[in-house]
Amino acid sequence: MAPGPLCGPVAGAEDPFSPLLADHARLLERLKTFEGILEEMVRSRRVSPEGRVSLDESLHALRDGLLPHFRLEEEVVLPPLEAAVGRFGTLVNVIAYEHDEVRREIEKLREARAALDASTDVGPAIEEFNRHGVFTIQFLWDHFRKERTSLFPTAVQRLSPSQLEAIRSRLGGR
């Protein structure tokens, strides 16, 4: 999923959400790698030393790449959109809730990763890690789709040119 225009040009300028869409593309690539690691663990019923490193890199990408991305959306995009469309009963509330859900899942993944190291029988630990990993991957694919197809286009439609320029400026300057 390459970043691109949402609803055509916005006031003749670059899409204000391009940096977020580029983050999504990078994170989705990382999720593909993560999914491959999970598949190999489940298939082989073991976790190689390289697999453990890859799991740690995936968790690092979620914690240090995704969570700051969420904070940026929550600080830059959601407040002006909430002022324009409200929170409860809108996509603003759904997106905020989903951010919190992913934060909870990252913590569960961290706990499941620790269980892999502590377990002498890794079978159940692999199953638990896989369960949370697959949920997180699928959830994020859908979450990013909602932002790309609904949240960002709604912002383009409902926010003023000056609000969109402020978003563009804040996102471009990070």
N, C-alpha and C. Protein backbone atom coordinates (compact mmCIF):
# COMPACT_ATOMS: atom_id res chain seq x y z
N MET A 1 0.85 -1.15 0.00
CA MET A 1 0.00 0.00 0.00
C MET A 1 0.90 1.22 0.00
N ALA A 2 1.06 1.82 -1.10
CA ALA A 2 1.90 3.01 -1.20
C ALA A 2 1.10 4.23 -0.82
N PRO A 3 1.74 5.19 -0.14
CA PRO A 3 1.03 6.40 0.18
C PRO A 3 0.68 7.13 -1.11
N GLY A 4 -0.43 7.78 -1.10
CA GLY A 4 -0.86 8.53 -2.27
C GLY A 4 -1.94 9.50 -1.90
N PRO A 5 -2.49 10.18 -2.89
CA PRO A 5 -3.53 11.15 -2.59
C PRO A 5 -4.76 10.46 -2.02
N LEU A 6 -5.43 11.15 -1.14
CA LEU A 6 -6.63 10.61 -0.53
C LEU A 6 -7.85 10.90 -1.38
N CYS A 7 -8.07 12.13 -1.64
CA CYS A 7 -9.26 12.56 -2.35
C CYS A 7 -8.87 13.57 -3.41
N GLY A 8 -7.74 13.40 -4.00
CA GLY A 8 -7.26 14.39 -4.94
C GLY A 8 -6.42 15.41 -4.20
N PRO A 9 -5.92 16.39 -4.89
CA PRO A 9 -5.06 17.40 -4.27
C PRO A 9 -5.81 18.19 -3.20
N VAL A 10 -5.10 18.56 -2.20
CA VAL A 10 -5.65 19.39 -1.12
C VAL A 10 -5.07 20.78 -1.29
N ALA A 11 -5.90 21.69 -1.74
CA ALA A 11 -5.50 23.09 -1.94
C ALA A 11 -4.20 23.18 -2.74
N GLY A 12 -4.06 22.28 -3.72
CA GLY A 12 -2.89 22.34 -4.59
C GLY A 12 -1.59 21.93 -3.94
N ALA A 13 -1.65 21.37 -2.74
CA ALA A 13 -0.43 21.02 -2.02
C ALA A 13 -0.39 19.51 -1.80
N GLU A 14 0.72 19.06 -1.27
CA GLU A 14 0.89 17.64 -0.95
C GLU A 14 -0.17 17.22 0.06
N ASP A 15 -0.59 15.98 -0.05
CA ASP A 15 -1.54 15.40 0.89
C ASP A 15 -1.01 15.60 2.31
N PRO A 16 -1.79 16.20 3.19
CA PRO A 16 -1.28 16.45 4.55
C PRO A 16 -0.98 15.17 5.32
N PHE A 17 -1.55 14.07 4.89
CA PHE A 17 -1.40 12.82 5.62
C PHE A 17 -0.32 11.91 5.03
N SER A 18 0.41 12.39 4.05
CA SER A 18 1.48 11.59 3.41
C SER A 18 2.47 11.01 4.41
N PRO A 19 2.94 11.78 5.39
CA PRO A 19 3.89 11.18 6.34
C PRO A 19 3.28 10.02 7.14
N LEU A 20 2.00 10.13 7.49
CA LEU A 20 1.35 9.05 8.23
C LEU A 20 1.16 7.83 7.33
N LEU A 21 0.78 8.07 6.08
CA LEU A 21 0.62 6.96 5.15
C LEU A 21 1.95 6.27 4.86
N ALA A 22 3.02 7.04 4.81
CA ALA A 22 4.35 6.45 4.62
C ALA A 22 4.72 5.60 5.84
N ASP A 23 4.39 6.08 7.03
CA ASP A 23 4.60 5.27 8.25
C ASP A 23 3.82 3.96 8.14
N HIS A 24 2.56 4.05 7.70
CA HIS A 24 1.74 2.85 7.56
C HIS A 24 2.43 1.85 6.64
N ALA A 25 2.92 2.33 5.51
CA ALA A 25 3.57 1.44 4.54
C ALA A 25 4.80 0.76 5.16
N ARG A 26 5.61 1.52 5.89
CA ARG A 26 6.79 0.93 6.55
C ARG A 26 6.38 -0.09 7.60
N LEU A 27 5.37 0.27 8.39
CA LEU A 27 4.92 -0.63 9.45
C LEU A 27 4.29 -1.90 8.87
N LEU A 28 3.57 -1.77 7.78
CA LEU A 28 2.98 -2.95 7.15
C LEU A 28 4.05 -3.89 6.61
N GLU A 29 5.14 -3.34 6.10
CA GLU A 29 6.25 -4.18 5.67
C GLU A 29 6.83 -4.95 6.85
N ARG A 30 6.96 -4.27 7.98
CA ARG A 30 7.47 -4.93 9.19
C ARG A 30 6.50 -6.02 9.65
N LEU A 31 5.20 -5.76 9.51
CA LEU A 31 4.21 -6.76 9.92
C LEU A 31 4.28 -8.00 9.04
N LYS A 32 4.60 -7.82 7.76
CA LYS A 32 4.77 -9.00 6.88
C LYS A 32 5.92 -9.87 7.39
N THR A 33 7.00 -9.24 7.78
CA THR A 33 8.14 -9.98 8.32
C THR A 33 7.73 -10.68 9.62
N PHE A 34 7.04 -9.98 10.48
CA PHE A 34 6.56 -10.52 11.74
C PHE A 34 5.67 -11.74 11.49
N GLU A 35 4.78 -11.62 10.53
CA GLU A 35 3.87 -12.72 10.20
C GLU A 35 4.66 -13.95 9.73
N GLY A 36 5.69 -13.73 8.95
CA GLY A 36 6.54 -14.84 8.50
C GLY A 36 7.22 -15.55 9.65
N ILE A 37 7.68 -14.78 10.62
CA ILE A 37 8.32 -15.36 11.81
C ILE A 37 7.31 -16.20 12.57
N LEU A 38 6.10 -15.67 12.74
CA LEU A 38 5.06 -16.41 13.45
C LEU A 38 4.75 -17.72 12.74
N GLU A 39 4.61 -17.66 11.42
CA GLU A 39 4.31 -18.87 10.65
C GLU A 39 5.40 -19.92 10.83
N GLU A 40 6.65 -19.49 10.80
CA GLU A 40 7.77 -20.43 10.96
C GLU A 40 7.77 -21.04 12.37
N MET A 41 7.49 -20.24 13.38
CA MET A 41 7.44 -20.75 14.75
C MET A 41 6.35 -21.81 14.89
N VAL A 42 5.18 -21.52 14.37
CA VAL A 42 4.05 -22.44 14.50
C VAL A 42 4.33 -23.72 13.71
N ARG A 43 4.88 -23.57 12.52
CA ARG A 43 5.17 -24.73 11.67
C ARG A 43 6.22 -25.65 12.31
N SER A 44 7.29 -25.04 12.80
CA SER A 44 8.41 -25.84 13.32
C SER A 44 8.25 -26.20 14.80
N ARG A 45 7.34 -25.53 15.49
CA ARG A 45 7.13 -25.73 16.93
C ARG A 45 8.39 -25.43 17.73
N ARG A 46 9.19 -24.50 17.20
CA ARG A 46 10.39 -24.07 17.92
C ARG A 46 10.68 -22.63 17.54
N VAL A 47 11.56 -22.02 18.35
CA VAL A 47 11.98 -20.65 18.07
C VAL A 47 13.50 -20.66 18.02
N SER A 48 14.03 -20.41 16.84
CA SER A 48 15.48 -20.39 16.66
C SER A 48 16.06 -19.13 17.30
N PRO A 49 17.35 -19.11 17.55
CA PRO A 49 17.97 -17.87 18.06
C PRO A 49 17.73 -16.70 17.10
N GLU A 50 17.79 -16.95 15.80
CA GLU A 50 17.52 -15.88 14.83
C GLU A 50 16.07 -15.42 14.91
N GLY A 51 15.17 -16.41 15.13
CA GLY A 51 13.75 -16.09 15.27
C GLY A 51 13.49 -15.22 16.48
N ARG A 52 14.20 -15.49 17.56
CA ARG A 52 14.05 -14.66 18.77
C ARG A 52 14.50 -13.22 18.50
N VAL A 53 15.60 -13.09 17.77
CA VAL A 53 16.07 -11.75 17.41
C VAL A 53 15.03 -11.05 16.55
N SER A 54 14.47 -11.78 15.58
CA SER A 54 13.45 -11.18 14.70
C SER A 54 12.20 -10.80 15.48
N LEU A 55 11.81 -11.63 16.43
CA LEU A 55 10.66 -11.28 17.28
C LEU A 55 10.95 -10.00 18.05
N ASP A 56 12.14 -9.92 18.61
CA ASP A 56 12.51 -8.72 19.36
C ASP A 56 12.51 -7.48 18.46
N GLU A 57 13.00 -7.63 17.23
CA GLU A 57 12.99 -6.50 16.29
C GLU A 57 11.56 -6.09 15.94
N SER A 58 10.68 -7.07 15.79
CA SER A 58 9.28 -6.76 15.49
C SER A 58 8.62 -6.03 16.66
N LEU A 59 8.87 -6.52 17.87
CA LEU A 59 8.30 -5.85 19.05
C LEU A 59 8.86 -4.44 19.19
N HIS A 60 10.14 -4.30 18.90
CA HIS A 60 10.77 -2.97 18.93
C HIS A 60 10.10 -2.05 17.92
N ALA A 61 9.83 -2.55 16.71
CA ALA A 61 9.18 -1.73 15.68
C ALA A 61 7.78 -1.31 16.12
N LEU A 62 7.07 -2.20 16.78
CA LEU A 62 5.74 -1.84 17.27
C LEU A 62 5.83 -0.80 18.38
N ARG A 63 6.70 -1.05 19.33
CA ARG A 63 6.82 -0.15 20.48
C ARG A 63 7.41 1.21 20.09
N ASP A 64 8.50 1.19 19.33
CA ASP A 64 9.22 2.43 19.05
C ASP A 64 8.86 3.07 17.73
N GLY A 65 8.13 2.37 16.87
CA GLY A 65 7.70 2.95 15.61
C GLY A 65 6.21 3.24 15.60
N LEU A 66 5.43 2.28 16.04
CA LEU A 66 3.98 2.43 16.00
C LEU A 66 3.44 3.33 17.10
N LEU A 67 3.90 3.15 18.32
CA LEU A 67 3.33 3.94 19.42
C LEU A 67 3.59 5.44 19.26
N PRO A 68 4.78 5.88 18.85
CA PRO A 68 4.94 7.31 18.57
C PRO A 68 4.06 7.78 17.41
N HIS A 69 3.85 6.92 16.43
CA HIS A 69 2.95 7.24 15.31
C HIS A 69 1.53 7.48 15.84
N PHE A 70 1.07 6.61 16.73
CA PHE A 70 -0.25 6.80 17.33
C PHE A 70 -0.34 8.12 18.09
N ARG A 71 0.71 8.41 18.88
CA ARG A 71 0.70 9.67 19.65
C ARG A 71 0.61 10.86 18.70
N LEU A 72 1.32 10.81 17.60
CA LEU A 72 1.28 11.89 16.63
C LEU A 72 -0.13 12.06 16.07
N GLU A 73 -0.78 10.97 15.71
CA GLU A 73 -2.16 11.07 15.22
C GLU A 73 -3.07 11.65 16.30
N GLU A 74 -2.86 11.22 17.54
CA GLU A 74 -3.71 11.68 18.64
C GLU A 74 -3.48 13.15 18.96
N GLU A 75 -2.30 13.64 18.74
CA GLU A 75 -2.00 15.05 19.04
C GLU A 75 -2.28 15.98 17.87
N VAL A 76 -2.09 15.49 16.64
CA VAL A 76 -2.15 16.36 15.47
C VAL A 76 -3.46 16.23 14.69
N VAL A 77 -3.93 15.00 14.50
CA VAL A 77 -5.07 14.77 13.61
C VAL A 77 -6.39 14.71 14.37
N LEU A 78 -6.44 13.95 15.44
CA LEU A 78 -7.73 13.72 16.10
C LEU A 78 -8.34 14.97 16.75
N PRO A 79 -7.57 15.85 17.41
CA PRO A 79 -8.22 17.01 18.05
C PRO A 79 -8.98 17.92 17.08
N PRO A 80 -8.40 18.36 15.95
CA PRO A 80 -9.20 19.22 15.07
C PRO A 80 -10.38 18.48 14.44
N LEU A 81 -10.19 17.19 14.17
CA LEU A 81 -11.30 16.43 13.59
C LEU A 81 -12.40 16.23 14.62
N GLU A 82 -12.01 15.99 15.85
CA GLU A 82 -13.02 15.87 16.92
C GLU A 82 -13.81 17.17 17.06
N ALA A 83 -13.13 18.30 16.98
CA ALA A 83 -13.82 19.59 17.07
C ALA A 83 -14.80 19.77 15.91
N ALA A 84 -14.50 19.17 14.77
CA ALA A 84 -15.36 19.33 13.59
C ALA A 84 -16.52 18.34 13.56
N VAL A 85 -16.30 17.10 14.00
CA VAL A 85 -17.34 16.08 13.85
C VAL A 85 -17.80 15.47 15.17
N GLY A 86 -17.14 15.80 16.26
CA GLY A 86 -17.46 15.20 17.55
C GLY A 86 -16.62 13.97 17.80
N ARG A 87 -16.80 13.39 18.96
CA ARG A 87 -16.01 12.21 19.31
C ARG A 87 -16.87 10.95 19.36
N PHE A 88 -17.85 10.96 20.22
CA PHE A 88 -18.64 9.76 20.45
C PHE A 88 -19.57 9.51 19.28
N GLY A 89 -19.57 8.25 18.85
CA GLY A 89 -20.39 7.89 17.70
C GLY A 89 -19.73 8.26 16.38
N THR A 90 -18.44 8.61 16.41
CA THR A 90 -17.73 8.97 15.18
C THR A 90 -16.48 8.11 15.05
N LEU A 91 -15.86 8.22 13.88
CA LEU A 91 -14.63 7.49 13.64
C LEU A 91 -13.50 7.97 14.55
N VAL A 92 -13.59 9.19 15.04
CA VAL A 92 -12.57 9.70 15.96
C VAL A 92 -12.50 8.80 17.19
N ASN A 93 -13.64 8.45 17.74
CA ASN A 93 -13.68 7.59 18.91
C ASN A 93 -13.19 6.18 18.58
N VAL A 94 -13.58 5.67 17.42
CA VAL A 94 -13.16 4.34 17.00
C VAL A 94 -11.63 4.28 16.89
N ILE A 95 -11.04 5.27 16.25
CA ILE A 95 -9.58 5.29 16.06
C ILE A 95 -8.88 5.38 17.41
N ALA A 96 -9.35 6.25 18.28
CA ALA A 96 -8.73 6.39 19.61
C ALA A 96 -8.84 5.08 20.39
N TYR A 97 -10.00 4.44 20.33
CA TYR A 97 -10.18 3.15 21.00
C TYR A 97 -9.22 2.11 20.43
N GLU A 98 -9.09 2.07 19.12
CA GLU A 98 -8.22 1.07 18.49
C GLU A 98 -6.76 1.30 18.86
N HIS A 99 -6.36 2.56 18.99
CA HIS A 99 -4.99 2.83 19.44
C HIS A 99 -4.77 2.21 20.82
N ASP A 100 -5.74 2.39 21.71
CA ASP A 100 -5.62 1.81 23.05
C ASP A 100 -5.60 0.29 23.00
N GLU A 101 -6.40 -0.29 22.12
CA GLU A 101 -6.43 -1.76 21.98
C GLU A 101 -5.07 -2.28 21.53
N VAL A 102 -4.45 -1.61 20.58
CA VAL A 102 -3.14 -2.05 20.10
C VAL A 102 -2.10 -1.89 21.21
N ARG A 103 -2.20 -0.83 21.99
CA ARG A 103 -1.27 -0.68 23.12
C ARG A 103 -1.38 -1.87 24.08
N ARG A 104 -2.61 -2.30 24.35
CA ARG A 104 -2.82 -3.46 25.23
C ARG A 104 -2.22 -4.72 24.59
N GLU A 105 -2.40 -4.88 23.29
CA GLU A 105 -1.86 -6.06 22.61
C GLU A 105 -0.34 -6.06 22.61
N ILE A 106 0.27 -4.91 22.46
CA ILE A 106 1.74 -4.85 22.50
C ILE A 106 2.24 -5.30 23.87
N GLU A 107 1.54 -4.94 24.91
CA GLU A 107 1.92 -5.40 26.25
C GLU A 107 1.74 -6.91 26.36
N LYS A 108 0.67 -7.45 25.80
CA LYS A 108 0.46 -8.90 25.82
C LYS A 108 1.55 -9.61 25.02
N LEU A 109 1.96 -9.02 23.90
CA LEU A 109 3.05 -9.60 23.11
C LEU A 109 4.36 -9.58 23.89
N ARG A 110 4.59 -8.50 24.61
CA ARG A 110 5.80 -8.42 25.43
C ARG A 110 5.80 -9.52 26.48
N GLU A 111 4.65 -9.73 27.13
CA GLU A 111 4.54 -10.79 28.13
C GLU A 111 4.70 -12.17 27.49
N ALA A 112 4.11 -12.36 26.32
CA ALA A 112 4.23 -13.65 25.64
C ALA A 112 5.66 -13.90 25.18
N ARG A 113 6.36 -12.84 24.82
CA ARG A 113 7.78 -12.98 24.43
C ARG A 113 8.61 -13.43 25.63
N ALA A 114 8.35 -12.85 26.79
CA ALA A 114 9.06 -13.25 28.01
C ALA A 114 8.76 -14.72 28.35
N ALA A 115 7.52 -15.15 28.12
CA ALA A 115 7.14 -16.53 28.40
C ALA A 115 7.89 -17.50 27.49
N LEU A 116 8.20 -17.08 26.26
CA LEU A 116 8.98 -17.93 25.36
C LEU A 116 10.36 -18.22 25.96
N ASP A 117 10.97 -17.21 26.56
CA ASP A 117 12.29 -17.40 27.16
C ASP A 117 12.22 -18.21 28.45
N ALA A 118 11.13 -18.09 29.18
CA ALA A 118 11.02 -18.74 30.48
C ALA A 118 10.53 -20.19 30.38
N SER A 119 10.00 -20.57 29.23
CA SER A 119 9.35 -21.86 29.11
C SER A 119 10.32 -22.97 28.68
N THR A 120 10.17 -24.13 29.32
CA THR A 120 10.94 -25.29 28.86
C THR A 120 10.19 -26.02 27.75
N ASP A 121 8.87 -25.94 27.76
CA ASP A 121 8.04 -26.48 26.68
C ASP A 121 7.48 -25.28 25.92
N VAL A 122 8.12 -24.93 24.80
CA VAL A 122 7.76 -23.69 24.11
C VAL A 122 6.46 -23.80 23.32
N GLY A 123 5.92 -25.01 23.15
CA GLY A 123 4.69 -25.18 22.37
C GLY A 123 3.57 -24.25 22.81
N PRO A 124 3.13 -24.31 24.06
CA PRO A 124 2.07 -23.41 24.51
C PRO A 124 2.46 -21.93 24.43
N ALA A 125 3.71 -21.63 24.70
CA ALA A 125 4.16 -20.23 24.62
C ALA A 125 4.12 -19.73 23.17
N ILE A 126 4.49 -20.60 22.24
CA ILE A 126 4.41 -20.23 20.82
C ILE A 126 2.96 -19.97 20.43
N GLU A 127 2.06 -20.84 20.87
CA GLU A 127 0.64 -20.67 20.55
C GLU A 127 0.10 -19.35 21.09
N GLU A 128 0.47 -19.01 22.31
CA GLU A 128 0.00 -17.75 22.91
C GLU A 128 0.59 -16.56 22.17
N PHE A 129 1.87 -16.61 21.88
CA PHE A 129 2.50 -15.51 21.16
C PHE A 129 1.87 -15.36 19.78
N ASN A 130 1.66 -16.48 19.10
CA ASN A 130 1.05 -16.46 17.78
C ASN A 130 -0.36 -15.87 17.82
N ARG A 131 -1.12 -16.27 18.83
CA ARG A 131 -2.50 -15.76 18.97
C ARG A 131 -2.51 -14.24 19.04
N HIS A 132 -1.66 -13.68 19.88
CA HIS A 132 -1.61 -12.22 20.01
C HIS A 132 -0.98 -11.57 18.78
N GLY A 133 0.02 -12.24 18.21
CA GLY A 133 0.67 -11.68 17.03
C GLY A 133 -0.27 -11.60 15.84
N VAL A 134 -0.98 -12.69 15.56
CA VAL A 134 -1.91 -12.69 14.43
C VAL A 134 -3.02 -11.67 14.64
N PHE A 135 -3.55 -11.61 15.86
CA PHE A 135 -4.59 -10.61 16.14
C PHE A 135 -4.06 -9.21 15.86
N THR A 136 -2.88 -8.90 16.36
CA THR A 136 -2.31 -7.56 16.20
C THR A 136 -2.09 -7.24 14.72
N ILE A 137 -1.55 -8.18 13.98
CA ILE A 137 -1.30 -7.96 12.55
C ILE A 137 -2.61 -7.67 11.82
N GLN A 138 -3.61 -8.51 12.01
CA GLN A 138 -4.88 -8.33 11.33
C GLN A 138 -5.56 -7.03 11.76
N PHE A 139 -5.49 -6.75 13.03
CA PHE A 139 -6.11 -5.54 13.57
C PHE A 139 -5.47 -4.30 12.96
N LEU A 140 -4.14 -4.30 12.88
CA LEU A 140 -3.44 -3.13 12.31
C LEU A 140 -3.71 -2.96 10.83
N TRP A 141 -3.77 -4.04 10.07
CA TRP A 141 -4.12 -3.92 8.65
C TRP A 141 -5.46 -3.21 8.52
N ASP A 142 -6.44 -3.65 9.31
CA ASP A 142 -7.77 -3.05 9.24
C ASP A 142 -7.75 -1.61 9.75
N HIS A 143 -7.02 -1.37 10.80
CA HIS A 143 -6.93 -0.03 11.37
C HIS A 143 -6.35 0.97 10.36
N PHE A 144 -5.25 0.59 9.73
CA PHE A 144 -4.64 1.47 8.74
C PHE A 144 -5.57 1.70 7.55
N ARG A 145 -6.32 0.67 7.17
CA ARG A 145 -7.30 0.82 6.09
C ARG A 145 -8.36 1.84 6.48
N LYS A 146 -8.86 1.78 7.72
CA LYS A 146 -9.87 2.75 8.18
C LYS A 146 -9.33 4.17 8.12
N GLU A 147 -8.09 4.33 8.55
CA GLU A 147 -7.52 5.67 8.52
C GLU A 147 -7.38 6.16 7.08
N ARG A 148 -6.88 5.29 6.20
CA ARG A 148 -6.63 5.67 4.81
C ARG A 148 -7.93 5.94 4.06
N THR A 149 -8.95 5.10 4.28
CA THR A 149 -10.16 5.22 3.47
C THR A 149 -11.27 6.05 4.12
N SER A 150 -11.18 6.28 5.42
CA SER A 150 -12.25 7.01 6.10
C SER A 150 -11.78 8.22 6.91
N LEU A 151 -10.84 7.98 7.83
CA LEU A 151 -10.45 9.07 8.73
C LEU A 151 -9.80 10.23 7.98
N PHE A 152 -8.77 9.93 7.21
CA PHE A 152 -8.06 11.00 6.52
C PHE A 152 -8.94 11.69 5.47
N PRO A 153 -9.73 10.94 4.67
CA PRO A 153 -10.63 11.64 3.74
C PRO A 153 -11.68 12.50 4.45
N THR A 154 -12.16 12.04 5.60
CA THR A 154 -13.11 12.85 6.37
C THR A 154 -12.44 14.14 6.82
N ALA A 155 -11.20 14.04 7.26
CA ALA A 155 -10.47 15.24 7.67
C ALA A 155 -10.32 16.20 6.50
N VAL A 156 -10.00 15.67 5.32
CA VAL A 156 -9.85 16.52 4.13
C VAL A 156 -11.17 17.22 3.82
N GLN A 157 -12.27 16.53 3.99
CA GLN A 157 -13.59 17.09 3.69
C GLN A 157 -14.07 18.08 4.75
N ARG A 158 -13.76 17.81 6.01
CA ARG A 158 -14.38 18.57 7.10
C ARG A 158 -13.50 19.66 7.69
N LEU A 159 -12.20 19.59 7.50
CA LEU A 159 -11.33 20.60 8.09
C LEU A 159 -11.07 21.72 7.08
N SER A 160 -10.80 22.87 7.62
CA SER A 160 -10.53 24.04 6.78
C SER A 160 -9.15 23.93 6.14
N PRO A 161 -8.90 24.67 5.08
CA PRO A 161 -7.56 24.67 4.48
C PRO A 161 -6.47 25.05 5.49
N SER A 162 -6.77 25.98 6.39
CA SER A 162 -5.74 26.35 7.37
C SER A 162 -5.49 25.23 8.38
N GLN A 163 -6.53 24.49 8.74
CA GLN A 163 -6.34 23.35 9.64
C GLN A 163 -5.53 22.26 8.95
N LEU A 164 -5.83 22.02 7.69
CA LEU A 164 -5.07 21.00 6.94
C LEU A 164 -3.62 21.44 6.76
N GLU A 165 -3.40 22.72 6.56
CA GLU A 165 -2.03 23.21 6.43
C GLU A 165 -1.29 23.05 7.77
N ALA A 166 -1.98 23.29 8.87
CA ALA A 166 -1.36 23.12 10.19
C ALA A 166 -0.97 21.64 10.39
N ILE A 167 -1.85 20.73 9.97
CA ILE A 167 -1.54 19.30 10.07
C ILE A 167 -0.33 18.99 9.18
N ARG A 168 -0.37 19.46 7.96
CA ARG A 168 0.75 19.22 7.02
C ARG A 168 2.06 19.72 7.61
N SER A 169 2.02 20.89 8.17
CA SER A 169 3.22 21.50 8.75
C SER A 169 3.73 20.69 9.93
N ARG A 170 2.84 20.30 10.82
CA ARG A 170 3.26 19.53 12.01
C ARG A 170 3.77 18.14 11.65
N LEU A 171 3.13 17.52 10.69
CA LEU A 171 3.56 16.17 10.29
C LEU A 171 4.82 16.21 9.46
N GLY A 172 4.98 17.25 8.66
CA GLY A 172 6.16 17.36 7.82
C GLY A 172 7.39 17.76 8.61
N GLY A 173 7.22 18.38 9.73
CA GLY A 173 8.34 18.87 10.52
C GLY A 173 8.83 17.93 11.59
N ARG A 174 8.41 16.68 11.54
CA ARG A 174 8.83 15.75 12.60
C ARG A 174 10.12 15.09 12.32
